[in-house]
């Protein structure tokens, strides 16, 4: 692969996953069969692994291990991870405020209000939603 093919492939796959999520979210929201195993699985990934604090802690541990062991690779991985978590967290908050998207499980009233009074940067977070990772 050339140096441009890999980033292009990653961008295409990311856009495809986002589009698929946007298409499936209204269809599947609230309609997926529930089980204790699925709840445990999704809870683990959304509340632990998907938590920014957990990811920040991993980055800091990698950085400290790199410093302590004298490993340049761990040091760079820790710094890069820390930077990625901080930047992605900031970008996500701005995008959620800029692109209002009501949660699919909302009844029709909030959606109708959003359509009647669209507003860029709604800081009340009434509609600060992204497509659900669970779908």
Protein backbone atom coordinates (compact mmCIF):
# COMPACT_ATOMS: atom_id res chain seq x y z
CA UNK A 1 0.00 0.00 0.00
CA UNK A 2 1.20 3.48 -0.78
CA UNK A 3 1.34 6.04 1.99
CA UNK A 4 -1.99 7.53 0.79
CA UNK A 5 -3.93 4.28 0.35
CA UNK A 6 -4.07 3.33 4.02
CA UNK A 7 -5.50 6.66 5.31
CA UNK A 8 -7.94 6.72 2.38
CA UNK A 9 -9.12 3.17 3.19
CA UNK A 10 -9.56 4.10 6.87
CA UNK A 11 -11.56 7.22 5.91
CA UNK A 12 -13.81 5.24 3.53
CA UNK A 13 -14.48 2.53 6.12
CA UNK A 14 -15.20 5.15 8.82
CA UNK A 15 -17.70 6.97 6.61
CA UNK A 16 -19.36 3.67 5.62
CA UNK A 17 -19.74 2.66 9.28
CA UNK A 18 -21.19 6.08 10.16
CA UNK A 19 -23.70 5.93 7.30
CA UNK A 20 -24.69 2.37 8.22
CA UNK A 21 -25.17 3.41 11.84
CA UNK A 22 -27.30 6.38 10.80
CA UNK A 23 -29.47 4.08 8.69
CA UNK A 24 -29.83 1.31 11.28
CA UNK A 25 -30.23 3.42 14.41
CA UNK A 26 -33.89 4.42 13.89
CA UNK A 27 -34.77 0.90 12.77
CA UNK A 28 -33.13 -0.99 15.64
CA UNK A 29 -33.42 1.45 18.53
CA UNK A 30 -35.39 -0.19 21.31
CA UNK A 31 -36.21 -3.25 19.20
CA UNK A 32 -33.17 -5.43 19.81
CA UNK A 33 -34.03 -8.44 22.00
CA UNK A 34 -32.61 -8.03 25.50
CA UNK A 35 -30.78 -10.67 27.50
CA UNK A 36 -28.62 -10.56 30.60
CA UNK A 37 -25.55 -11.56 28.53
CA UNK A 38 -26.09 -8.79 25.97
CA UNK A 39 -26.74 -6.24 28.72
CA UNK A 40 -23.55 -7.28 30.52
CA UNK A 41 -21.55 -7.18 27.27
CA UNK A 42 -22.79 -3.72 26.23
CA UNK A 43 -22.54 -2.37 29.75
CA UNK A 44 -18.88 -3.45 29.90
CA UNK A 45 -18.04 -1.75 26.62
CA UNK A 46 -20.10 1.40 27.04
CA UNK A 47 -19.53 2.08 30.73
CA UNK A 48 -15.98 0.81 31.19
CA UNK A 49 -14.06 0.50 27.93
CA UNK A 50 -15.92 3.40 26.26
CA UNK A 51 -15.44 5.71 29.22
CA UNK A 52 -13.00 8.55 28.54
CA UNK A 53 -11.62 8.33 32.06
CA UNK A 54 -10.70 4.67 31.56
CA UNK A 55 -8.99 5.44 28.25
CA UNK A 56 -7.14 8.36 29.83
CA UNK A 57 -5.94 6.10 32.64
CA UNK A 58 -4.60 3.56 30.13
CA UNK A 59 -2.72 6.32 28.28
CA UNK A 60 -1.19 7.63 31.51
CA UNK A 61 -0.17 4.11 32.59
CA UNK A 62 1.48 3.50 29.21
CA UNK A 63 3.35 6.80 29.47
CA UNK A 64 4.51 6.09 33.04
CA UNK A 65 5.60 2.57 32.07
CA UNK A 66 7.55 4.05 29.18
CA UNK A 67 9.28 6.51 31.50
CA UNK A 68 9.92 3.89 34.18
CA UNK A 69 11.18 1.19 31.83
CA UNK A 70 13.00 3.58 29.52
CA UNK A 71 10.90 2.38 26.58
CA UNK A 72 10.52 5.04 23.89
CA UNK A 73 7.72 3.05 22.22
CA UNK A 74 5.57 2.96 25.39
CA UNK A 75 6.33 6.60 26.08
CA UNK A 76 5.19 7.65 22.58
CA UNK A 77 2.13 5.36 22.78
CA UNK A 78 1.12 6.92 26.10
CA UNK A 79 1.56 10.49 24.88
CA UNK A 80 -0.25 9.74 21.62
CA UNK A 81 -3.11 8.03 23.45
CA UNK A 82 -3.45 10.91 25.89
CA UNK A 83 -3.52 13.43 23.06
CA UNK A 84 -6.04 11.34 21.09
CA UNK A 85 -8.44 11.02 24.06
CA UNK A 86 -8.30 14.74 24.88
CA UNK A 87 -8.71 15.91 21.27
CA UNK A 88 -11.45 13.40 20.40
CA UNK A 89 -13.37 14.26 23.57
CA UNK A 90 -13.29 17.96 22.74
CA UNK A 91 -14.26 17.38 19.10
CA UNK A 92 -17.16 15.10 20.06
CA UNK A 93 -18.60 17.68 22.47
CA UNK A 94 -18.45 20.41 19.81
CA UNK A 95 -20.01 18.12 17.17
CA UNK A 96 -22.82 17.06 19.53
CA UNK A 97 -23.63 20.71 20.20
CA UNK A 98 -23.32 21.74 16.54
CA UNK A 99 -25.32 18.95 14.93
CA UNK A 100 -28.49 18.45 16.90
CA UNK A 101 -29.82 14.94 16.67
CA UNK A 102 -32.66 13.80 18.91
CA UNK A 103 -32.36 10.35 20.38
CA UNK A 104 -34.44 7.83 18.40
CA UNK A 105 -36.34 6.69 21.48
CA UNK A 106 -37.76 10.19 22.04
CA UNK A 107 -41.46 10.56 21.36
CA UNK A 108 -42.44 12.71 18.39
CA UNK A 109 -42.82 15.99 20.31
CA UNK A 110 -39.09 16.84 20.74
CA UNK A 111 -38.40 15.90 17.12
CA UNK A 112 -41.19 18.18 15.91
CA UNK A 113 -39.89 21.03 18.09
CA UNK A 114 -36.40 20.54 16.67
CA UNK A 115 -37.71 20.65 13.11
CA UNK A 116 -39.80 23.76 13.83
CA UNK A 117 -36.99 25.62 15.58
CA UNK A 118 -33.63 24.36 14.29
CA UNK A 119 -30.68 26.00 15.96
CA UNK A 120 -26.94 25.69 15.51
CA UNK A 121 -25.15 25.07 18.81
CA UNK A 122 -27.95 24.16 21.19
CA UNK A 123 -26.08 24.17 24.50
CA UNK A 124 -29.03 22.77 26.45
CA UNK A 125 -28.01 19.28 25.17
CA UNK A 126 -31.64 18.30 24.59
CA UNK A 127 -30.63 16.84 21.28
CA UNK A 128 -26.94 16.16 21.86
CA UNK A 129 -26.91 12.62 20.57
CA UNK A 130 -24.87 10.50 18.21
CA UNK A 131 -26.02 7.28 16.63
CA UNK A 132 -26.01 4.59 19.26
CA UNK A 133 -22.99 2.33 19.35
CA UNK A 134 -25.25 -0.49 20.48
CA UNK A 135 -27.00 -0.70 17.13
